[in-house]
Amino acid sequence: MGSPVSVRHAKPDGIIQVWLGTCASRHPETEALPNATVILDAENTVQPDALPRRLPEHGGLTAGYRGLAPWPLSSAEIR
């Protein structure tokens, strides 16, 4: 079983998921990815609760699972 998630975390997470999903549904060049693992380099990975991704066929610089690096969602920029 995964780590327990508090209501304090779950509520804003749900809002962000809906927001990203709505944006992705209106912008076919993007997709919303909940809980995707982002491989930054050989030693570093992160798993944000939510991230937007520009699809490679629309100029995005990611290719599927490996090397997934979305544009920043917050001040903690992911590269």
PDB file of N, CA and C in Angstrom:
ATOM      1  N   MET A   1       0.845  -1.173   0.000  1.00  0.00           N
ATOM      2  CA  MET A   1       0.000   0.000   0.000  1.00  0.00           C
ATOM      3  C   MET A   1       0.890   1.235   0.000  1.00  0.00           C
ATOM      4  N   GLY A   2       0.470   2.245  -0.745  1.00  0.00           N
ATOM      5  CA  GLY A   2       1.207   3.503  -0.808  1.00  0.00           C
ATOM      6  C   GLY A   2       1.088   4.294   0.471  1.00  0.00           C
ATOM      7  N   SER A   3       1.834   5.378   0.532  1.00  0.00           N
ATOM      8  CA  SER A   3       1.786   6.251   1.700  1.00  0.00           C
ATOM      9  C   SER A   3       0.406   6.879   1.828  1.00  0.00           C
ATOM     10  N   PRO A   4      -0.086   7.051   3.044  1.00  0.00           N
ATOM     11  CA  PRO A   4      -1.375   7.711   3.234  1.00  0.00           C
ATOM     12  C   PRO A   4      -1.322   9.166   2.760  1.00  0.00           C
ATOM     13  N   VAL A   5      -2.421   9.635   2.229  1.00  0.00           N
ATOM     14  CA  VAL A   5      -2.520  11.012   1.740  1.00  0.00           C
ATOM     15  C   VAL A   5      -3.602  11.721   2.538  1.00  0.00           C
ATOM     16  N   SER A   6      -3.254  12.875   3.086  1.00  0.00           N
ATOM     17  CA  SER A   6      -4.195  13.626   3.906  1.00  0.00           C
ATOM     18  C   SER A   6      -5.200  14.384   3.042  1.00  0.00           C
ATOM     19  N   VAL A   7      -6.304  14.765   3.651  1.00  0.00           N
ATOM     20  CA  VAL A   7      -7.300  15.598   2.975  1.00  0.00           C
ATOM     21  C   VAL A   7      -6.672  16.935   2.597  1.00  0.00           C
ATOM     22  N   ARG A   8      -5.788  17.431   3.444  1.00  0.00           N
ATOM     23  CA  ARG A   8      -5.109  18.705   3.175  1.00  0.00           C
ATOM     24  C   ARG A   8      -4.320  18.649   1.861  1.00  0.00           C
ATOM     25  N   HIS A   9      -3.785  17.490   1.545  1.00  0.00           N
ATOM     26  CA  HIS A   9      -3.057  17.315   0.282  1.00  0.00           C
ATOM     27  C   HIS A   9      -4.005  16.917  -0.857  1.00  0.00           C
ATOM     28  N   ALA A  10      -4.930  16.038  -0.569  1.00  0.00           N
ATOM     29  CA  ALA A  10      -5.797  15.478  -1.615  1.00  0.00           C
ATOM     30  C   ALA A  10      -6.712  16.519  -2.264  1.00  0.00           C
ATOM     31  N   LYS A  11      -7.238  17.445  -1.490  1.00  0.00           N
ATOM     32  CA  LYS A  11      -8.173  18.421  -2.043  1.00  0.00           C
ATOM     33  C   LYS A  11      -7.519  19.310  -3.102  1.00  0.00           C
ATOM     34  N   PRO A  12      -6.394  19.991  -2.805  1.00  0.00           N
ATOM     35  CA  PRO A  12      -5.774  20.803  -3.858  1.00  0.00           C
ATOM     36  C   PRO A  12      -5.238  19.951  -5.004  1.00  0.00           C
ATOM     37  N   ASP A  13      -4.820  18.727  -4.713  1.00  0.00           N
ATOM     38  CA  ASP A  13      -4.368  17.828  -5.771  1.00  0.00           C
ATOM     39  C   ASP A  13      -5.497  17.559  -6.759  1.00  0.00           C
ATOM     40  N   GLY A  14      -6.680  17.311  -6.259  1.00  0.00           N
ATOM     41  CA  GLY A  14      -7.835  17.088  -7.126  1.00  0.00           C
ATOM     42  C   GLY A  14      -8.158  18.303  -7.980  1.00  0.00           C
ATOM     43  N   ILE A  15      -8.059  19.486  -7.388  1.00  0.00           N
ATOM     44  CA  ILE A  15      -8.318  20.723  -8.129  1.00  0.00           C
ATOM     45  C   ILE A  15      -7.305  20.884  -9.257  1.00  0.00           C
ATOM     46  N   ILE A  16      -6.041  20.629  -8.950  1.00  0.00           N
ATOM     47  CA  ILE A  16      -4.995  20.748  -9.973  1.00  0.00           C
ATOM     48  C   ILE A  16      -5.201  19.717 -11.082  1.00  0.00           C
ATOM     49  N   GLN A  17      -5.589  18.498 -10.731  1.00  0.00           N
ATOM     50  CA  GLN A  17      -5.830  17.461 -11.741  1.00  0.00           C
ATOM     51  C   GLN A  17      -6.958  17.883 -12.692  1.00  0.00           C
ATOM     52  N   VAL A  18      -8.033  18.418 -12.144  1.00  0.00           N
ATOM     53  CA  VAL A  18      -9.152  18.877 -12.977  1.00  0.00           C
ATOM     54  C   VAL A  18      -8.710  20.033 -13.864  1.00  0.00           C
ATOM     55  N   TRP A  19      -7.971  20.968 -13.308  1.00  0.00           N
ATOM     56  CA  TRP A  19      -7.482  22.121 -14.068  1.00  0.00           C
ATOM     57  C   TRP A  19      -6.608  21.666 -15.230  1.00  0.00           C
ATOM     58  N   LEU A  20      -5.629  20.792 -14.953  1.00  0.00           N
ATOM     59  CA  LEU A  20      -4.756  20.316 -16.030  1.00  0.00           C
ATOM     60  C   LEU A  20      -5.520  19.502 -17.064  1.00  0.00           C
ATOM     61  N   GLY A  21      -6.446  18.682 -16.619  1.00  0.00           N
ATOM     62  CA  GLY A  21      -7.252  17.900 -17.552  1.00  0.00           C
ATOM     63  C   GLY A  21      -8.097  18.782 -18.450  1.00  0.00           C
ATOM     64  N   THR A  22      -8.658  19.838 -17.878  1.00  0.00           N
ATOM     65  CA  THR A  22      -9.446  20.783 -18.667  1.00  0.00           C
ATOM     66  C   THR A  22      -8.571  21.493 -19.691  1.00  0.00           C
ATOM     67  N   CYS A  23      -7.394  21.930 -19.265  1.00  0.00           N
ATOM     68  CA  CYS A  23      -6.466  22.585 -20.204  1.00  0.00           C
ATOM     69  C   CYS A  23      -6.081  21.633 -21.325  1.00  0.00           C
ATOM     70  N   ALA A  24      -5.737  20.395 -20.984  1.00  0.00           N
ATOM     71  CA  ALA A  24      -5.325  19.413 -21.997  1.00  0.00           C
ATOM     72  C   ALA A  24      -6.458  19.092 -22.961  1.00  0.00           C
ATOM     73  N   SER A  25      -7.698  19.086 -22.470  1.00  0.00           N
ATOM     74  CA  SER A  25      -8.827  18.787 -23.360  1.00  0.00           C
ATOM     75  C   SER A  25      -9.067  19.914 -24.361  1.00  0.00           C
ATOM     76  N   ARG A  26      -8.614  21.099 -24.032  1.00  0.00           N
ATOM     77  CA  ARG A  26      -8.794  22.257 -24.925  1.00  0.00           C
ATOM     78  C   ARG A  26      -7.565  22.540 -25.784  1.00  0.00           C
ATOM     79  N   HIS A  27      -6.475  21.878 -25.481  1.00  0.00           N
ATOM     80  CA  HIS A  27      -5.220  22.076 -26.216  1.00  0.00           C
ATOM     81  C   HIS A  27      -4.687  20.702 -26.632  1.00  0.00           C
ATOM     82  N   PRO A  28      -5.029  20.231 -27.814  1.00  0.00           N
ATOM     83  CA  PRO A  28      -4.663  18.875 -28.220  1.00  0.00           C
ATOM     84  C   PRO A  28      -3.159  18.643 -28.339  1.00  0.00           C
ATOM     85  N   GLU A  29      -2.365  19.695 -28.290  1.00  0.00           N
ATOM     86  CA  GLU A  29      -0.918  19.535 -28.352  1.00  0.00           C
ATOM     87  C   GLU A  29      -0.316  19.192 -26.985  1.00  0.00           C
ATOM     88  N   THR A  30      -1.176  19.089 -25.979  1.00  0.00           N
ATOM     89  CA  THR A  30      -0.714  18.809 -24.622  1.00  0.00           C
ATOM     90  C   THR A  30      -1.429  17.607 -24.037  1.00  0.00           C
ATOM     91  N   GLU A  31      -0.899  17.123 -22.926  1.00  0.00           N
ATOM     92  CA  GLU A  31      -1.592  16.108 -22.140  1.00  0.00           C
ATOM     93  C   GLU A  31      -1.300  16.353 -20.673  1.00  0.00           C
ATOM     94  N   ALA A  32      -2.201  15.913 -19.825  1.00  0.00           N
ATOM     95  CA  ALA A  32      -2.035  16.022 -18.380  1.00  0.00           C
ATOM     96  C   ALA A  32      -1.625  14.652 -17.861  1.00  0.00           C
ATOM     97  N   LEU A  33      -0.588  14.614 -17.049  1.00  0.00           N
ATOM     98  CA  LEU A  33      -0.076  13.348 -16.533  1.00  0.00           C
ATOM     99  C   LEU A  33      -0.064  13.364 -15.009  1.00  0.00           C
ATOM    100  N   PRO A  34      -0.950  12.597 -14.372  1.00  0.00           N
ATOM    101  CA  PRO A  34      -0.915  12.504 -12.923  1.00  0.00           C
ATOM    102  C   PRO A  34       0.098  11.461 -12.464  1.00  0.00           C
ATOM    103  N   ASN A  35       0.926  11.835 -11.505  1.00  0.00           N
ATOM    104  CA  ASN A  35       1.855  10.909 -10.853  1.00  0.00           C
ATOM    105  C   ASN A  35       2.849  10.227 -11.783  1.00  0.00           C
ATOM    106  N   ALA A  36       3.251  10.877 -12.866  1.00  0.00           N
ATOM    107  CA  ALA A  36       4.231  10.304 -13.781  1.00  0.00           C
ATOM    108  C   ALA A  36       5.636  10.488 -13.217  1.00  0.00           C
ATOM    109  N   THR A  37       6.471   9.480 -13.377  1.00  0.00           N
ATOM    110  CA  THR A  37       7.856   9.589 -12.958  1.00  0.00           C
ATOM    111  C   THR A  37       8.633  10.363 -14.008  1.00  0.00           C
ATOM    112  N   VAL A  38       9.385  11.360 -13.567  1.00  0.00           N
ATOM    113  CA  VAL A  38      10.192  12.186 -14.458  1.00  0.00           C
ATOM    114  C   VAL A  38      11.657  11.822 -14.228  1.00  0.00           C
ATOM    115  N   ILE A  39      12.324  11.342 -15.271  1.00  0.00           N
ATOM    116  CA  ILE A  39      13.735  10.995 -15.177  1.00  0.00           C
ATOM    117  C   ILE A  39      14.534  12.218 -15.599  1.00  0.00           C
ATOM    118  N   LEU A  40      15.208  12.828 -14.645  1.00  0.00           N
ATOM    119  CA  LEU A  40      15.969  14.036 -14.915  1.00  0.00           C
ATOM    120  C   LEU A  40      17.344  13.708 -15.492  1.00  0.00           C
ATOM    121  N   ASP A  41      17.994  12.713 -14.916  1.00  0.00           N
ATOM    122  CA  ASP A  41      19.281  12.235 -15.415  1.00  0.00           C
ATOM    123  C   ASP A  41      19.496  10.843 -14.827  1.00  0.00           C
ATOM    124  N   ALA A  42      20.694  10.301 -14.949  1.00  0.00           N
ATOM    125  CA  ALA A  42      20.967   8.928 -14.509  1.00  0.00           C
ATOM    126  C   ALA A  42      20.772   8.724 -13.011  1.00  0.00           C
ATOM    127  N   GLU A  43      20.835   9.788 -12.231  1.00  0.00           N
ATOM    128  CA  GLU A  43      20.751   9.656 -10.781  1.00  0.00           C
ATOM    129  C   GLU A  43      19.544  10.325 -10.146  1.00  0.00           C
ATOM    130  N   ASN A  44      18.765  11.058 -10.906  1.00  0.00           N
ATOM    131  CA  ASN A  44      17.694  11.858 -10.311  1.00  0.00           C
ATOM    132  C   ASN A  44      16.359  11.640 -11.004  1.00  0.00           C
ATOM    133  N   THR A  45      15.352  11.344 -10.198  1.00  0.00           N
ATOM    134  CA  THR A  45      13.980  11.252 -10.687  1.00  0.00           C
ATOM    135  C   THR A  45      13.075  11.976  -9.695  1.00  0.00           C
ATOM    136  N   VAL A  46      11.948  12.442 -10.194  1.00  0.00           N
ATOM    137  CA  VAL A  46      10.907  13.037  -9.348  1.00  0.00           C
ATOM    138  C   VAL A  46       9.569  12.469  -9.792  1.00  0.00           C
ATOM    139  N   GLN A  47       8.604  12.529  -8.912  1.00  0.00           N
ATOM    140  CA  GLN A  47       7.252  12.089  -9.257  1.00  0.00           C
ATOM    141  C   GLN A  47       6.262  13.131  -8.747  1.00  0.00           C
ATOM    142  N   PRO A  48       6.052  14.199  -9.546  1.00  0.00           N
ATOM    143  CA  PRO A  48       5.102  15.224  -9.122  1.00  0.00           C
ATOM    144  C   PRO A  48       3.674  14.676  -9.131  1.00  0.00           C
ATOM    145  N   ASP A  49       2.824  15.280  -8.353  1.00  0.00           N
ATOM    146  CA  ASP A  49       1.422  14.864  -8.328  1.00  0.00           C
ATOM    147  C   ASP A  49       0.755  15.080  -9.681  1.00  0.00           C
ATOM    148  N   ALA A  50       1.149  16.127 -10.380  1.00  0.00           N
ATOM    149  CA  ALA A  50       0.541  16.449 -11.676  1.00  0.00           C
ATOM    150  C   ALA A  50       1.549  17.217 -12.513  1.00  0.00           C
ATOM    151  N   LEU A  51       1.500  16.997 -13.810  1.00  0.00           N
ATOM    152  CA  LEU A  51       2.344  17.788 -14.690  1.00  0.00           C
ATOM    153  C   LEU A  51       1.721  17.873 -16.069  1.00  0.00           C
ATOM    154  N   PRO A  52       1.886  19.028 -16.707  1.00  0.00           N
ATOM    155  CA  PRO A  52       1.450  19.181 -18.092  1.00  0.00           C
ATOM    156  C   PRO A  52       2.605  18.794 -19.003  1.00  0.00           C
ATOM    157  N   ARG A  53       2.281  18.268 -20.175  1.00  0.00           N
ATOM    158  CA  ARG A  53       3.315  17.870 -21.128  1.00  0.00           C
ATOM    159  C   ARG A  53       2.905  18.302 -22.525  1.00  0.00           C
ATOM    160  N   ARG A  54       3.829  18.940 -23.233  1.00  0.00           N
ATOM    161  CA  ARG A  54       3.608  19.252 -24.650  1.00  0.00           C
ATOM    162  C   ARG A  54       4.075  18.039 -25.435  1.00  0.00           C
ATOM    163  N   LEU A  55       3.215  17.541 -26.300  1.00  0.00           N
ATOM    164  CA  LEU A  55       3.535  16.337 -27.062  1.00  0.00           C
ATOM    165  C   LEU A  55       4.664  16.596 -28.057  1.00  0.00           C
ATOM    166  N   PRO A  56       5.546  15.604 -28.265  1.00  0.00           N
ATOM    167  CA  PRO A  56       6.681  15.774 -29.174  1.00  0.00           C
ATOM    168  C   PRO A  56       6.267  16.191 -30.584  1.00  0.00           C
ATOM    169  N   GLU A  57       5.172  15.659 -31.072  1.00  0.00           N
ATOM    170  CA  GLU A  57       4.728  16.010 -32.428  1.00  0.00           C
ATOM    171  C   GLU A  57       4.250  17.459 -32.540  1.00  0.00           C
ATOM    172  N   HIS A  58       4.175  18.138 -31.411  1.00  0.00           N
ATOM    173  CA  HIS A  58       3.790  19.553 -31.391  1.00  0.00           C
ATOM    174  C   HIS A  58       4.911  20.420 -30.821  1.00  0.00           C
ATOM    175  N   GLY A  59       6.140  19.942 -30.915  1.00  0.00           N
ATOM    176  CA  GLY A  59       7.284  20.730 -30.473  1.00  0.00           C
ATOM    177  C   GLY A  59       7.774  20.448 -29.071  1.00  0.00           C
ATOM    178  N   GLY A  60       7.137  19.508 -28.374  1.00  0.00           N
ATOM    179  CA  GLY A  60       7.607  19.158 -27.042  1.00  0.00           C
ATOM    180  C   GLY A  60       8.952  18.452 -27.118  1.00  0.00           C
ATOM    181  N   LEU A  61       9.730  18.580 -26.071  1.00  0.00           N
ATOM    182  CA  LEU A  61      11.077  18.020 -26.070  1.00  0.00           C
ATOM    183  C   LEU A  61      11.177  16.713 -25.305  1.00  0.00           C
ATOM    184  N   THR A  62      10.054  16.045 -25.069  1.00  0.00           N
ATOM    185  CA  THR A  62      10.057  14.780 -24.351  1.00  0.00           C
ATOM    186  C   THR A  62       9.640  13.660 -25.277  1.00  0.00           C
ATOM    187  N   ALA A  63      10.025  12.465 -24.910  1.00  0.00           N
ATOM    188  CA  ALA A  63       9.674  11.295 -25.717  1.00  0.00           C
ATOM    189  C   ALA A  63       9.235  10.179 -24.790  1.00  0.00           C
ATOM    190  N   GLY A  64       7.958  10.148 -24.475  1.00  0.00           N
ATOM    191  CA  GLY A  64       7.428   9.088 -23.636  1.00  0.00           C
ATOM    192  C   GLY A  64       7.983   9.109 -22.228  1.00  0.00           C
ATOM    193  N   TYR A  65       8.227   7.930 -21.692  1.00  0.00           N
ATOM    194  CA  TYR A  65       8.639   7.804 -20.294  1.00  0.00           C
ATOM    195  C   TYR A  65      10.053   8.308 -20.069  1.00  0.00           C
ATOM    196  N   ARG A  66      11.004   7.868 -20.864  1.00  0.00           N
ATOM    197  CA  ARG A  66      12.404   8.245 -20.642  1.00  0.00           C
ATOM    198  C   ARG A  66      12.632   9.701 -21.006  1.00  0.00           C
ATOM    199  N   GLY A  67      13.242  10.425 -20.124  1.00  0.00           N
ATOM    200  CA  GLY A  67      13.569  11.813 -20.385  1.00  0.00           C
ATOM    201  C   GLY A  67      12.401  12.770 -20.257  1.00  0.00           C
ATOM    202  N   LEU A  68      11.314  12.319 -19.666  1.00  0.00           N
ATOM    203  CA  LEU A  68      10.130  13.156 -19.521  1.00  0.00           C
ATOM    204  C   LEU A  68      10.463  14.376 -18.680  1.00  0.00           C
ATOM    205  N   ALA A  69      10.382  15.535 -19.268  1.00  0.00           N
ATOM    206  CA  ALA A  69      10.670  16.770 -18.547  1.00  0.00           C
ATOM    207  C   ALA A  69       9.683  17.835 -18.987  1.00  0.00           C
ATOM    208  N   PRO A  70       8.631  18.050 -18.221  1.00  0.00           N
ATOM    209  CA  PRO A  70       7.590  19.007 -18.603  1.00  0.00           C
ATOM    210  C   PRO A  70       8.025  20.445 -18.362  1.00  0.00           C
ATOM    211  N   TRP A  71       7.200  21.367 -18.814  1.00  0.00           N
ATOM    212  CA  TRP A  71       7.467  22.752 -18.457  1.00  0.00           C
ATOM    213  C   TRP A  71       7.065  22.942 -17.002  1.00  0.00           C
ATOM    214  N   PRO A  72       7.602  23.963 -16.322  1.00  0.00           N
ATOM    215  CA  PRO A  72       7.368  24.111 -14.885  1.00  0.00           C
ATOM    216  C   PRO A  72       5.904  24.395 -14.548  1.00  0.00           C
ATOM    217  N   LEU A  73       5.450  23.757 -13.494  1.00  0.00           N
ATOM    218  CA  LEU A  73       4.090  23.970 -13.010  1.00  0.00           C
ATOM    219  C   LEU A  73       4.075  24.973 -11.870  1.00  0.00           C
ATOM    220  N   SER A  74       5.170  25.065 -11.158  1.00  0.00           N
ATOM    221  CA  SER A  74       5.257  25.971 -10.024  1.00  0.00           C
ATOM    222  C   SER A  74       6.652  26.573  -9.978  1.00  0.00           C
ATOM    223  N   SER A  75       6.978  27.216  -8.881  1.00  0.00           N
ATOM    224  CA  SER A  75       8.288  27.833  -8.761  1.00  0.00           C
ATOM    225  C   SER A  75       9.398  26.792  -8.680  1.00  0.00           C
ATOM    226  N   ALA A  76       9.058  25.558  -8.353  1.00  0.00           N
ATOM    227  CA  ALA A  76      10.047  24.473  -8.337  1.00  0.00           C
ATOM    228  C   ALA A  76      10.152  23.938  -9.760  1.00  0.00           C
ATOM    229  N   GLU A  77      11.004  24.544 -10.537  1.00  0.00           N
ATOM    230  CA  GLU A  77      11.101  24.228 -11.959  1.00  0.00           C
ATOM    231  C   GLU A  77      11.693  22.841 -12.174  1.00  0.00           C
ATOM    232  N   ILE A  78      11.058  22.053 -13.036  1.00  0.00           N
ATOM    233  CA  ILE A  78      11.520  20.704 -13.367  1.00  0.00           C
ATOM    234  C   ILE A  78      12.167  20.764 -14.731  1.00  0.00           C
ATOM    235  N   ARG A  79      13.384  20.295 -14.846  1.00  0.00           N
ATOM    236  CA  ARG A  79      14.086  20.277 -16.136  1.00  0.00           C
ATOM    237  C   ARG A  79      14.537  18.892 -16.466  1.00  0.00           C
TER     238      ARG A  79
END
